Full PDB file with SEQRES, HELIX, SHEET, SSBOND, CRYST1, ORIGX, SCALE, CONECT and MASTER records, all heavy atoms in Angstrom:
SEQRES   1 A   40  ASP VAL VAL VAL LEU LYS PHE VAL HIS THR ARG PHE VAL          
SEQRES   2 A   40  LEU GLU ARG PRO ASP LEU ALA THR TYR GLN ARG GLY GLN          
SEQRES   3 A   40  GLY ARG VAL LEU GLU THR LEU VAL ASP GLY PHE SER ALA          
SEQRES   4 A   40  TRP                                                          
HELIX    1 AA1 VAL A    2  HIS A    9  1                                   8    
HELIX    2 AA2 THR A   10  LEU A   14  3                                   5    
HELIX    3 AA3 PRO A   17  ALA A   39  1                                  23    
CRYST1    1.000    1.000    1.000  90.00  90.00  90.00 P 1           1          
ORIGX1      1.000000  0.000000  0.000000        0.00000                         
ORIGX2      0.000000  1.000000  0.000000        0.00000                         
ORIGX3      0.000000  0.000000  1.000000        0.00000                         
SCALE1      1.000000  0.000000  0.000000        0.00000                         
SCALE2      0.000000  1.000000  0.000000        0.00000                         
SCALE3      0.000000  0.000000  1.000000        0.00000                         
ATOM      1  N   ASP A   1     187.470 105.825 147.746  1.00  0.00           N  
ATOM      2  CA  ASP A   1     186.512 104.722 147.892  1.00  0.00           C  
ATOM      3  C   ASP A   1     185.097 105.251 148.072  1.00  0.00           C  
ATOM      4  O   ASP A   1     184.137 104.749 147.465  1.00  0.00           O  
ATOM      5  CB  ASP A   1     186.882 103.859 149.105  1.00  0.00           C  
ATOM      6  CG  ASP A   1     188.177 103.097 148.915  1.00  0.00           C  
ATOM      7  OD1 ASP A   1     188.674 103.018 147.776  1.00  0.00           O  
ATOM      8  OD2 ASP A   1     188.716 102.588 149.926  1.00  0.00           O  
ATOM      9  N   VAL A   2     184.935 106.271 148.912  1.00  0.00           N  
ATOM     10  CA  VAL A   2     183.613 106.850 149.160  1.00  0.00           C  
ATOM     11  C   VAL A   2     183.083 107.537 147.906  1.00  0.00           C  
ATOM     12  O   VAL A   2     181.886 107.472 147.601  1.00  0.00           O  
ATOM     13  CB  VAL A   2     183.670 107.827 150.355  1.00  0.00           C  
ATOM     14  CG1 VAL A   2     182.380 108.633 150.472  1.00  0.00           C  
ATOM     15  CG2 VAL A   2     183.909 107.057 151.654  1.00  0.00           C  
ATOM     16  N   VAL A   3     183.950 108.190 147.147  1.00  0.00           N  
ATOM     17  CA  VAL A   3     183.536 108.805 145.883  1.00  0.00           C  
ATOM     18  C   VAL A   3     182.908 107.757 144.959  1.00  0.00           C  
ATOM     19  O   VAL A   3     181.845 107.988 144.352  1.00  0.00           O  
ATOM     20  CB  VAL A   3     184.740 109.479 145.183  1.00  0.00           C  
ATOM     21  CG1 VAL A   3     184.396 109.821 143.728  1.00  0.00           C  
ATOM     22  CG2 VAL A   3     185.160 110.744 145.927  1.00  0.00           C  
ATOM     23  N   VAL A   4     183.532 106.593 144.854  1.00  0.00           N  
ATOM     24  CA  VAL A   4     183.021 105.555 143.953  1.00  0.00           C  
ATOM     25  C   VAL A   4     181.723 104.953 144.499  1.00  0.00           C  
ATOM     26  O   VAL A   4     180.782 104.688 143.733  1.00  0.00           O  
ATOM     27  CB  VAL A   4     184.086 104.461 143.718  1.00  0.00           C  
ATOM     28  CG1 VAL A   4     183.516 103.329 142.865  1.00  0.00           C  
ATOM     29  CG2 VAL A   4     185.314 105.059 143.037  1.00  0.00           C  
ATOM     30  N   LEU A   5     181.639 104.738 145.802  1.00  0.00           N  
ATOM     31  CA  LEU A   5     180.399 104.235 146.394  1.00  0.00           C  
ATOM     32  C   LEU A   5     179.240 105.203 146.142  1.00  0.00           C  
ATOM     33  O   LEU A   5     178.125 104.789 145.801  1.00  0.00           O  
ATOM     34  CB  LEU A   5     180.581 104.027 147.896  1.00  0.00           C  
ATOM     35  CG  LEU A   5     181.424 102.823 148.344  1.00  0.00           C  
ATOM     36  CD1 LEU A   5     181.637 102.869 149.845  1.00  0.00           C  
ATOM     37  CD2 LEU A   5     180.761 101.504 147.947  1.00  0.00           C  
ATOM     38  N   LYS A   6     179.499 106.492 146.322  1.00  0.00           N  
ATOM     39  CA  LYS A   6     178.452 107.486 146.067  1.00  0.00           C  
ATOM     40  C   LYS A   6     178.066 107.520 144.589  1.00  0.00           C  
ATOM     41  O   LYS A   6     176.891 107.741 144.260  1.00  0.00           O  
ATOM     42  CB  LYS A   6     178.928 108.876 146.516  1.00  0.00           C  
ATOM     43  CG  LYS A   6     178.949 109.077 148.021  1.00  0.00           C  
ATOM     44  CD  LYS A   6     179.352 110.508 148.361  1.00  0.00           C  
ATOM     45  CE  LYS A   6     179.241 110.784 149.834  1.00  0.00           C  
ATOM     46  NZ  LYS A   6     179.609 112.178 150.171  1.00  0.00           N  
ATOM     47  N   PHE A   7     179.034 107.306 143.728  1.00  0.00           N  
ATOM     48  CA  PHE A   7     178.722 107.240 142.297  1.00  0.00           C  
ATOM     49  C   PHE A   7     177.737 106.117 142.010  1.00  0.00           C  
ATOM     50  O   PHE A   7     176.768 106.305 141.256  1.00  0.00           O  
ATOM     51  CB  PHE A   7     180.001 107.038 141.475  1.00  0.00           C  
ATOM     52  CG  PHE A   7     179.732 106.543 140.087  1.00  0.00           C  
ATOM     53  CD1 PHE A   7     179.277 107.407 139.105  1.00  0.00           C  
ATOM     54  CD2 PHE A   7     179.896 105.195 139.765  1.00  0.00           C  
ATOM     55  CE1 PHE A   7     179.004 106.947 137.819  1.00  0.00           C  
ATOM     56  CE2 PHE A   7     179.625 104.732 138.490  1.00  0.00           C  
ATOM     57  CZ  PHE A   7     179.172 105.612 137.507  1.00  0.00           C  
ATOM     58  N   VAL A   8     177.975 104.947 142.581  1.00  0.00           N  
ATOM     59  CA  VAL A   8     177.065 103.814 142.365  1.00  0.00           C  
ATOM     60  C   VAL A   8     175.652 104.176 142.808  1.00  0.00           C  
ATOM     61  O   VAL A   8     174.666 103.897 142.111  1.00  0.00           O  
ATOM     62  CB  VAL A   8     177.575 102.566 143.120  1.00  0.00           C  
ATOM     63  CG1 VAL A   8     176.533 101.447 143.070  1.00  0.00           C  
ATOM     64  CG2 VAL A   8     178.892 102.085 142.524  1.00  0.00           C  
ATOM     65  N   HIS A   9     175.567 104.825 143.964  1.00  0.00           N  
ATOM     66  CA  HIS A   9     174.265 105.232 144.505  1.00  0.00           C  
ATOM     67  C   HIS A   9     173.576 106.220 143.566  1.00  0.00           C  
ATOM     68  O   HIS A   9     172.391 106.076 143.243  1.00  0.00           O  
ATOM     69  CB  HIS A   9     174.496 105.862 145.889  1.00  0.00           C  
ATOM     70  CG  HIS A   9     173.262 106.451 146.491  1.00  0.00           C  
ATOM     71  ND1 HIS A   9     173.216 107.731 146.989  1.00  0.00           N  
ATOM     72  CD2 HIS A   9     172.031 105.941 146.683  1.00  0.00           C  
ATOM     73  CE1 HIS A   9     172.015 107.988 147.457  1.00  0.00           C  
ATOM     74  NE2 HIS A   9     171.284 106.917 147.290  1.00  0.00           N  
ATOM     75  N   THR A  10     174.314 107.221 143.108  1.00  0.00           N  
ATOM     76  CA  THR A  10     173.728 108.237 142.230  1.00  0.00           C  
ATOM     77  C   THR A  10     173.346 107.652 140.876  1.00  0.00           C  
ATOM     78  O   THR A  10     172.229 107.857 140.380  1.00  0.00           O  
ATOM     79  CB  THR A  10     174.725 109.392 142.026  1.00  0.00           C  
ATOM     80  OG1 THR A  10     175.030 109.975 143.301  1.00  0.00           O  
ATOM     81  CG2 THR A  10     174.148 110.461 141.107  1.00  0.00           C  
ATOM     82  N   ARG A  11     174.270 106.905 140.285  1.00  0.00           N  
ATOM     83  CA  ARG A  11     174.085 106.416 138.915  1.00  0.00           C  
ATOM     84  C   ARG A  11     172.975 105.375 138.812  1.00  0.00           C  
ATOM     85  O   ARG A  11     172.190 105.382 137.844  1.00  0.00           O  
ATOM     86  CB  ARG A  11     175.419 105.806 138.437  1.00  0.00           C  
ATOM     87  CG  ARG A  11     175.393 105.162 137.077  1.00  0.00           C  
ATOM     88  CD  ARG A  11     175.347 106.208 135.980  1.00  0.00           C  
ATOM     89  NE  ARG A  11     175.462 105.570 134.678  1.00  0.00           N  
ATOM     90  CZ  ARG A  11     174.459 104.959 134.061  1.00  0.00           C  
ATOM     91  NH1 ARG A  11     173.265 104.913 134.624  1.00  0.00           N  
ATOM     92  NH2 ARG A  11     174.638 104.410 132.877  1.00  0.00           N  
ATOM     93  N   PHE A  12     172.877 104.494 139.789  1.00  0.00           N  
ATOM     94  CA  PHE A  12     171.962 103.369 139.649  1.00  0.00           C  
ATOM     95  C   PHE A  12     170.713 103.463 140.524  1.00  0.00           C  
ATOM     96  O   PHE A  12     169.863 102.581 140.483  1.00  0.00           O  
ATOM     97  CB  PHE A  12     172.703 102.062 139.938  1.00  0.00           C  
ATOM     98  CG  PHE A  12     173.814 101.814 138.955  1.00  0.00           C  
ATOM     99  CD1 PHE A  12     175.137 102.021 139.312  1.00  0.00           C  
ATOM    100  CD2 PHE A  12     173.528 101.417 137.664  1.00  0.00           C  
ATOM    101  CE1 PHE A  12     176.156 101.816 138.404  1.00  0.00           C  
ATOM    102  CE2 PHE A  12     174.548 101.204 136.746  1.00  0.00           C  
ATOM    103  CZ  PHE A  12     175.870 101.411 137.112  1.00  0.00           C  
ATOM    104  N   VAL A  13     170.596 104.555 141.300  1.00  0.00           N  
ATOM    105  CA  VAL A  13     169.394 104.753 142.109  1.00  0.00           C  
ATOM    106  C   VAL A  13     168.787 106.125 141.824  1.00  0.00           C  
ATOM    107  O   VAL A  13     167.667 106.233 141.315  1.00  0.00           O  
ATOM    108  CB  VAL A  13     169.698 104.598 143.615  1.00  0.00           C  
ATOM    109  CG1 VAL A  13     168.426 104.864 144.427  1.00  0.00           C  
ATOM    110  CG2 VAL A  13     170.238 103.212 143.910  1.00  0.00           C  
ATOM    111  N   LEU A  14     169.517 107.179 142.148  1.00  0.00           N  
ATOM    112  CA  LEU A  14     168.949 108.518 142.073  1.00  0.00           C  
ATOM    113  C   LEU A  14     168.584 108.936 140.654  1.00  0.00           C  
ATOM    114  O   LEU A  14     167.686 109.762 140.462  1.00  0.00           O  
ATOM    115  CB  LEU A  14     169.918 109.533 142.678  1.00  0.00           C  
ATOM    116  CG  LEU A  14     170.253 109.348 144.159  1.00  0.00           C  
ATOM    117  CD1 LEU A  14     171.125 110.491 144.650  1.00  0.00           C  
ATOM    118  CD2 LEU A  14     168.991 109.244 145.007  1.00  0.00           C  
ATOM    119  N   GLU A  15     169.277 108.400 139.658  1.00  0.00           N  
ATOM    120  CA  GLU A  15     169.001 108.788 138.270  1.00  0.00           C  
ATOM    121  C   GLU A  15     167.953 107.917 137.596  1.00  0.00           C  
ATOM    122  O   GLU A  15     167.662 108.101 136.411  1.00  0.00           O  
ATOM    123  CB  GLU A  15     170.305 108.753 137.460  1.00  0.00           C  
ATOM    124  CG  GLU A  15     171.318 109.794 137.910  1.00  0.00           C  
ATOM    125  CD  GLU A  15     172.607 109.752 137.112  1.00  0.00           C  
ATOM    126  OE1 GLU A  15     172.733 108.872 136.231  1.00  0.00           O  
ATOM    127  OE2 GLU A  15     173.496 110.585 137.369  1.00  0.00           O  
ATOM    128  N   ARG A  16     167.343 107.000 138.340  1.00  0.00           N  
ATOM    129  CA  ARG A  16     166.326 106.121 137.748  1.00  0.00           C  
ATOM    130  C   ARG A  16     165.065 106.914 137.387  1.00  0.00           C  
ATOM    131  O   ARG A  16     164.562 107.708 138.188  1.00  0.00           O  
ATOM    132  CB  ARG A  16     165.952 105.012 138.727  1.00  0.00           C  
ATOM    133  CG  ARG A  16     167.022 103.938 138.906  1.00  0.00           C  
ATOM    134  CD  ARG A  16     166.606 102.991 140.022  1.00  0.00           C  
ATOM    135  NE  ARG A  16     165.358 102.310 139.717  1.00  0.00           N  
ATOM    136  CZ  ARG A  16     165.263 101.059 139.282  1.00  0.00           C  
ATOM    137  NH1 ARG A  16     166.360 100.353 139.079  1.00  0.00           N  
ATOM    138  NH2 ARG A  16     164.099 100.508 139.054  1.00  0.00           N  
ATOM    139  N   PRO A  17     164.503 106.712 136.194  1.00  0.00           N  
ATOM    140  CA  PRO A  17     163.288 107.431 135.792  1.00  0.00           C  
ATOM    141  C   PRO A  17     162.090 107.145 136.703  1.00  0.00           C  
ATOM    142  O   PRO A  17     161.276 108.039 136.943  1.00  0.00           O  
ATOM    143  CB  PRO A  17     163.028 106.918 134.367  1.00  0.00           C  
ATOM    144  CG  PRO A  17     164.368 106.480 133.875  1.00  0.00           C  
ATOM    145  CD  PRO A  17     165.062 105.927 135.086  1.00  0.00           C  
ATOM    146  N   ASP A  18     161.981 105.904 137.202  1.00  0.00           N  
ATOM    147  CA  ASP A  18     160.826 105.602 138.056  1.00  0.00           C  
ATOM    148  C   ASP A  18     160.902 106.385 139.365  1.00  0.00           C  
ATOM    149  O   ASP A  18     159.883 106.884 139.871  1.00  0.00           O  
ATOM    150  CB  ASP A  18     160.706 104.102 138.325  1.00  0.00           C  
ATOM    151  CG  ASP A  18     162.009 103.455 138.781  1.00  0.00           C  
ATOM    152  OD1 ASP A  18     163.037 104.157 138.875  1.00  0.00           O  
ATOM    153  OD2 ASP A  18     162.001 102.238 139.047  1.00  0.00           O  
ATOM    154  N   LEU A  19     162.095 106.541 139.933  1.00  0.00           N  
ATOM    155  CA  LEU A  19     162.251 107.348 141.143  1.00  0.00           C  
ATOM    156  C   LEU A  19     161.975 108.812 140.836  1.00  0.00           C  
ATOM    157  O   LEU A  19     161.319 109.513 141.618  1.00  0.00           O  
ATOM    158  CB  LEU A  19     163.661 107.180 141.715  1.00  0.00           C  
ATOM    159  CG  LEU A  19     163.982 108.023 142.957  1.00  0.00           C  
ATOM    160  CD1 LEU A  19     163.045 107.684 144.109  1.00  0.00           C  
ATOM    161  CD2 LEU A  19     165.438 107.819 143.375  1.00  0.00           C  
ATOM    162  N   ALA A  20     162.448 109.286 139.694  1.00  0.00           N  
ATOM    163  CA  ALA A  20     162.227 110.679 139.317  1.00  0.00           C  
ATOM    164  C   ALA A  20     160.736 110.971 139.162  1.00  0.00           C  
ATOM    165  O   ALA A  20     160.250 112.035 139.574  1.00  0.00           O  
ATOM    166  CB  ALA A  20     162.964 110.992 138.017  1.00  0.00           C  
ATOM    167  N   THR A  21     159.993 110.030 138.584  1.00  0.00           N  
ATOM    168  CA  THR A  21     158.548 110.206 138.422  1.00  0.00           C  
ATOM    169  C   THR A  21     157.870 110.321 139.777  1.00  0.00           C  
ATOM    170  O   THR A  21     157.015 111.201 139.999  1.00  0.00           O  
ATOM    171  CB  THR A  21     157.957 109.018 137.641  1.00  0.00           C  
ATOM    172  OG1 THR A  21     158.618 108.902 136.380  1.00  0.00           O  
ATOM    173  CG2 THR A  21     156.465 109.209 137.418  1.00  0.00           C  
ATOM    174  N   TYR A  22     158.228 109.451 140.682  1.00  0.00           N  
ATOM    175  CA  TYR A  22     157.670 109.468 142.039  1.00  0.00           C  
ATOM    176  C   TYR A  22     157.989 110.792 142.734  1.00  0.00           C  
ATOM    177  O   TYR A  22     157.137 111.402 143.391  1.00  0.00           O  
ATOM    178  CB  TYR A  22     158.251 108.286 142.808  1.00  0.00           C  
ATOM    179  CG  TYR A  22     157.662 108.043 144.174  1.00  0.00           C  
ATOM    180  CD1 TYR A  22     156.327 107.712 144.335  1.00  0.00           C  
ATOM    181  CD2 TYR A  22     158.467 108.120 145.313  1.00  0.00           C  
ATOM    182  CE1 TYR A  22     155.787 107.464 145.585  1.00  0.00           C  
ATOM    183  CE2 TYR A  22     157.944 107.874 146.574  1.00  0.00           C  
ATOM    184  CZ  TYR A  22     156.606 107.554 146.700  1.00  0.00           C  
ATOM    185  OH  TYR A  22     156.082 107.324 147.955  1.00  0.00           O  
ATOM    186  N   GLN A  23     159.231 111.261 142.578  1.00  0.00           N  
ATOM    187  CA  GLN A  23     159.641 112.488 143.242  1.00  0.00           C  
ATOM    188  C   GLN A  23     158.962 113.715 142.647  1.00  0.00           C  
ATOM    189  O   GLN A  23     158.716 114.694 143.356  1.00  0.00           O  
ATOM    190  CB  GLN A  23     161.161 112.634 143.167  1.00  0.00           C  
ATOM    191  CG  GLN A  23     161.900 111.617 144.041  1.00  0.00           C  
ATOM    192  CD  GLN A  23     163.405 111.745 143.936  1.00  0.00           C  
ATOM    193  OE1 GLN A  23     163.940 112.098 142.884  1.00  0.00           O  
ATOM    194  NE2 GLN A  23     164.097 111.457 145.021  1.00  0.00           N  
ATOM    195  N   ARG A  24     158.667 113.678 141.362  1.00  0.00           N  
ATOM    196  CA  ARG A  24     157.936 114.796 140.771  1.00  0.00           C  
ATOM    197  C   ARG A  24     156.583 114.974 141.449  1.00  0.00           C  
ATOM    198  O   ARG A  24     156.150 116.097 141.716  1.00  0.00           O  
ATOM    199  CB  ARG A  24     157.730 114.547 139.273  1.00  0.00           C  
ATOM    200  CG  ARG A  24     158.987 114.550 138.447  1.00  0.00           C  
ATOM    201  CD  ARG A  24     159.504 115.939 138.168  1.00  0.00           C  
ATOM    202  NE  ARG A  24     158.605 116.720 137.332  1.00  0.00           N  
ATOM    203  CZ  ARG A  24     158.853 117.966 136.943  1.00  0.00           C  
ATOM    204  NH1 ARG A  24     159.978 118.543 137.315  1.00  0.00           N  
ATOM    205  NH2 ARG A  24     157.993 118.624 136.177  1.00  0.00           N  
ATOM    206  N   GLY A  25     155.943 113.866 141.738  1.00  0.00           N  
ATOM    207  CA  GLY A  25     154.670 113.941 142.450  1.00  0.00           C  
ATOM    208  C   GLY A  25     154.840 114.510 143.843  1.00  0.00           C  
ATOM    209  O   GLY A  25     154.011 115.303 144.316  1.00  0.00           O  
ATOM    210  N   GLN A  26     155.906 114.116 144.542  1.00  0.00           N  
ATOM    211  CA  GLN A  26     156.156 114.653 145.871  1.00  0.00           C  
ATOM    212  C   GLN A  26     156.430 116.158 145.813  1.00  0.00           C  
ATOM    213  O   GLN A  26     156.022 116.907 146.711  1.00  0.00           O  
ATOM    214  CB  GLN A  26     157.340 113.920 146.503  1.00  0.00           C  
ATOM    215  CG  GLN A  26     157.051 112.459 146.816  1.00  0.00           C  
ATOM    216  CD  GLN A  26     158.283 111.724 147.309  1.00  0.00           C  
ATOM    217  OE1 GLN A  26     159.412 112.001 146.880  1.00  0.00           O  
ATOM    218  NE2 GLN A  26     158.081 110.764 148.198  1.00  0.00           N  
ATOM    219  N   GLY A  27     157.116 116.596 144.771  1.00  0.00           N  
ATOM    220  CA  GLY A  27     157.360 118.021 144.614  1.00  0.00           C  
ATOM    221  C   GLY A  27     156.067 118.805 144.475  1.00  0.00           C  
ATOM    222  O   GLY A  27     155.928 119.908 145.013  1.00  0.00           O  
ATOM    223  N   ARG A  28     155.098 118.234 143.770  1.00  0.00           N  
ATOM    224  CA  ARG A  28     153.796 118.891 143.614  1.00  0.00           C  
ATOM    225  C   ARG A  28     153.080 119.016 144.954  1.00  0.00           C  
ATOM    226  O   ARG A  28     152.343 119.980 145.184  1.00  0.00           O  
ATOM    227  CB  ARG A  28     152.935 118.109 142.621  1.00  0.00           C  
ATOM    228  CG  ARG A  28     153.421 118.154 141.191  1.00  0.00           C  
ATOM    229  CD  ARG A  28     153.356 119.568 140.619  1.00  0.00           C  
ATOM    230  NE  ARG A  28     151.989 120.081 140.626  1.00  0.00           N  
ATOM    231  CZ  ARG A  28     151.114 119.878 139.648  1.00  0.00           C  
ATOM    232  NH1 ARG A  28     151.470 119.163 138.572  1.00  0.00           N  
ATOM    233  NH2 ARG A  28     149.898 120.391 139.719  1.00  0.00           N  
ATOM    234  N   VAL A  29     153.284 118.046 145.827  1.00  0.00           N  
ATOM    235  CA  VAL A  29     152.688 118.125 147.160  1.00  0.00           C  
ATOM    236  C   VAL A  29     153.193 119.365 147.890  1.00  0.00           C  
ATOM    237  O   VAL A  29     152.424 120.113 148.505  1.00  0.00           O  
ATOM    238  CB  VAL A  29     153.014 116.849 147.977  1.00  0.00           C  
ATOM    239  CG1 VAL A  29     152.626 117.035 149.449  1.00  0.00           C  
ATOM    240  CG2 VAL A  29     152.288 115.644 147.392  1.00  0.00           C  
ATOM    241  N   LEU A  30     154.497 119.603 147.838  1.00  0.00           N  
ATOM    242  CA  LEU A  30     155.072 120.765 148.517  1.00  0.00           C  
ATOM    243  C   LEU A  30     154.583 122.065 147.883  1.00  0.00           C  
ATOM    244  O   LEU A  30     154.336 123.057 148.595  1.00  0.00           O  
ATOM    245  CB  LEU A  30     156.597 120.690 148.479  1.00  0.00           C  
ATOM    246  CG  LEU A  30     157.212 119.530 149.269  1.00  0.00           C  
ATOM    247  CD1 LEU A  30     158.723 119.491 149.077  1.00  0.00           C  
ATOM    248  CD2 LEU A  30     156.876 119.637 150.755  1.00  0.00           C  
ATOM    249  N   GLU A  31     154.420 122.098 146.567  1.00  0.00           N  
ATOM    250  CA  GLU A  31     153.871 123.282 145.915  1.00  0.00           C  
ATOM    251  C   GLU A  31     152.457 123.558 146.409  1.00  0.00           C  
ATOM    252  O   GLU A  31     152.086 124.714 146.666  1.00  0.00           O  
ATOM    253  CB  GLU A  31     153.862 123.087 144.402  1.00  0.00           C  
ATOM    254  CG  GLU A  31     155.238 123.070 143.751  1.00  0.00           C  
ATOM    255  CD  GLU A  31     155.147 122.992 142.239  1.00  0.00           C  
ATOM    256  OE1 GLU A  31     154.109 123.411 141.683  1.00  0.00           O  
ATOM    257  OE2 GLU A  31     156.095 122.507 141.611  1.00  0.00           O  
ATOM    258  N   THR A  32     151.673 122.498 146.536  1.00  0.00           N  
ATOM    259  CA  THR A  32     150.311 122.651 147.025  1.00  0.00           C  
ATOM    260  C   THR A  32     150.295 123.242 148.426  1.00  0.00           C  
ATOM    261  O   THR A  32     149.480 124.120 148.744  1.00  0.00           O  
ATOM    262  CB  THR A  32     149.585 121.289 147.020  1.00  0.00           C  
ATOM    263  OG1 THR A  32     149.516 120.797 145.686  1.00  0.00           O  
ATOM    264  CG2 THR A  32     148.178 121.412 147.589  1.00  0.00           C  
ATOM    265  N   LEU A  33     151.202 122.776 149.273  1.00  0.00           N  
ATOM    266  CA  LEU A  33     151.255 123.275 150.654  1.00  0.00           C  
ATOM    267  C   LEU A  33     151.657 124.751 150.692  1.00  0.00           C  
ATOM    268  O   LEU A  33     151.036 125.552 151.407  1.00  0.00           O  
ATOM    269  CB  LEU A  33     152.237 122.437 151.469  1.00  0.00           C  
ATOM    270  CG  LEU A  33     151.806 120.999 151.758  1.00  0.00           C  
ATOM    271  CD1 LEU A  33     152.960 120.219 152.393  1.00  0.00           C  
ATOM    272  CD2 LEU A  33     150.591 120.977 152.684  1.00  0.00           C  
ATOM    273  N   VAL A  34     152.697 125.120 149.958  1.00  0.00           N  
ATOM    274  CA  VAL A  34     153.147 126.514 149.955  1.00  0.00           C  
ATOM    275  C   VAL A  34     152.051 127.429 149.432  1.00  0.00           C  
ATOM    276  O   VAL A  34     151.730 128.463 150.045  1.00  0.00           O  
ATOM    277  CB  VAL A  34     154.434 126.663 149.118  1.00  0.00           C  
ATOM    278  CG1 VAL A  34     154.746 128.134 148.858  1.00  0.00           C  
ATOM    279  CG2 VAL A  34     155.606 126.004 149.832  1.00  0.00           C  
ATOM    280  N   ASP A  35     151.466 127.068 148.306  1.00  0.00           N  
ATOM    281  CA  ASP A  35     150.424 127.908 147.726  1.00  0.00           C  
ATOM    282  C   ASP A  35     149.174 127.943 148.604  1.00  0.00           C  
ATOM    283  O   ASP A  35     148.540 129.001 148.776  1.00  0.00           O  
ATOM    284  CB  ASP A  35     150.056 127.409 146.328  1.00  0.00           C  
ATOM    285  CG  ASP A  35     151.185 127.596 145.325  1.00  0.00           C  
ATOM    286  OD1 ASP A  35     152.107 128.384 145.614  1.00  0.00           O  
ATOM    287  OD2 ASP A  35     151.152 126.941 144.261  1.00  0.00           O  
ATOM    288  N   GLY A  36     148.819 126.798 149.167  1.00  0.00           N  
ATOM    289  CA  GLY A  36     147.620 126.729 149.997  1.00  0.00           C  
ATOM    290  C   GLY A  36     147.728 127.557 151.260  1.00  0.00           C  
ATOM    291  O   GLY A  36     146.816 128.317 151.605  1.00  0.00           O  
ATOM    292  N   PHE A  37     148.840 127.442 151.966  1.00  0.00           N  
ATOM    293  CA  PHE A  37     149.009 128.220 153.202  1.00  0.00           C  
ATOM    294  C   PHE A  37     149.184 129.707 152.904  1.00  0.00           C  
ATOM    295  O   PHE A  37     148.711 130.562 153.661  1.00  0.00           O  
ATOM    296  CB  PHE A  37     150.197 127.692 154.005  1.00  0.00           C  
ATOM    297  CG  PHE A  37     149.911 126.409 154.733  1.00  0.00           C  
ATOM    298  CD1 PHE A  37     150.724 125.300 154.554  1.00  0.00           C  
ATOM    299  CD2 PHE A  37     148.818 126.300 155.579  1.00  0.00           C  
ATOM    300  CE1 PHE A  37     150.461 124.108 155.221  1.00  0.00           C  
ATOM    301  CE2 PHE A  37     148.543 125.106 156.248  1.00  0.00           C  
ATOM    302  CZ  PHE A  37     149.361 124.010 156.071  1.00  0.00           C  
ATOM    303  N   SER A  38     149.858 130.036 151.807  1.00  0.00           N  
ATOM    304  CA  SER A  38     150.019 131.443 151.436  1.00  0.00           C  
ATOM    305  C   SER A  38     148.662 132.087 151.180  1.00  0.00           C  
ATOM    306  O   SER A  38     148.381 133.201 151.647  1.00  0.00           O  
ATOM    307  CB  SER A  38     150.907 131.577 150.196  1.00  0.00           C  
ATOM    308  OG  SER A  38     152.210 131.122 150.452  1.00  0.00           O  
ATOM    309  N   ALA A  39     147.807 131.386 150.421  1.00  0.00           N  
ATOM    310  CA  ALA A  39     146.481 131.922 150.117  1.00  0.00           C  
ATOM    311  C   ALA A  39     145.634 132.030 151.385  1.00  0.00           C  
ATOM    312  O   ALA A  39     144.885 132.999 151.569  1.00  0.00           O  
ATOM    313  CB  ALA A  39     145.797 131.032 149.078  1.00  0.00           C  
ATOM    314  N   TRP A  40     145.742 131.050 152.246  1.00  0.00           N  
ATOM    315  CA  TRP A  40     144.972 131.055 153.490  1.00  0.00           C  
ATOM    316  C   TRP A  40     145.345 132.270 154.355  1.00  0.00           C  
ATOM    317  O   TRP A  40     144.479 133.004 154.840  1.00  0.00           O  
ATOM    318  CB  TRP A  40     145.249 129.763 154.245  1.00  0.00           C  
ATOM    319  CG  TRP A  40     144.353 129.493 155.428  1.00  0.00           C  
ATOM    320  CD1 TRP A  40     143.456 130.352 156.007  1.00  0.00           C  
ATOM    321  CD2 TRP A  40     144.253 128.285 156.163  1.00  0.00           C  
ATOM    322  NE1 TRP A  40     142.814 129.755 157.067  1.00  0.00           N  
ATOM    323  CE2 TRP A  40     143.291 128.483 157.182  1.00  0.00           C  
ATOM    324  CE3 TRP A  40     144.890 127.054 156.074  1.00  0.00           C  
ATOM    325  CZ2 TRP A  40     142.967 127.477 158.106  1.00  0.00           C  
ATOM    326  CZ3 TRP A  40     144.566 126.050 156.978  1.00  0.00           C  
ATOM    327  CH2 TRP A  40     143.616 126.262 157.982  1.00  0.00           C  
TER     328      TRP A  40                                                      
MASTER        0    0    0    3    0    0    0    6  327    1    0    4          
END                                                                             
């Protein structure tokens, strides 16, 4: 039952292109922080 519930979550939420676009931007934030503090 939990396997199928998690499938619904993954298939219809996590794989959405709009969420992926938003998360790509968040990933860039973390890159900025790592690079910025390293250089500092």
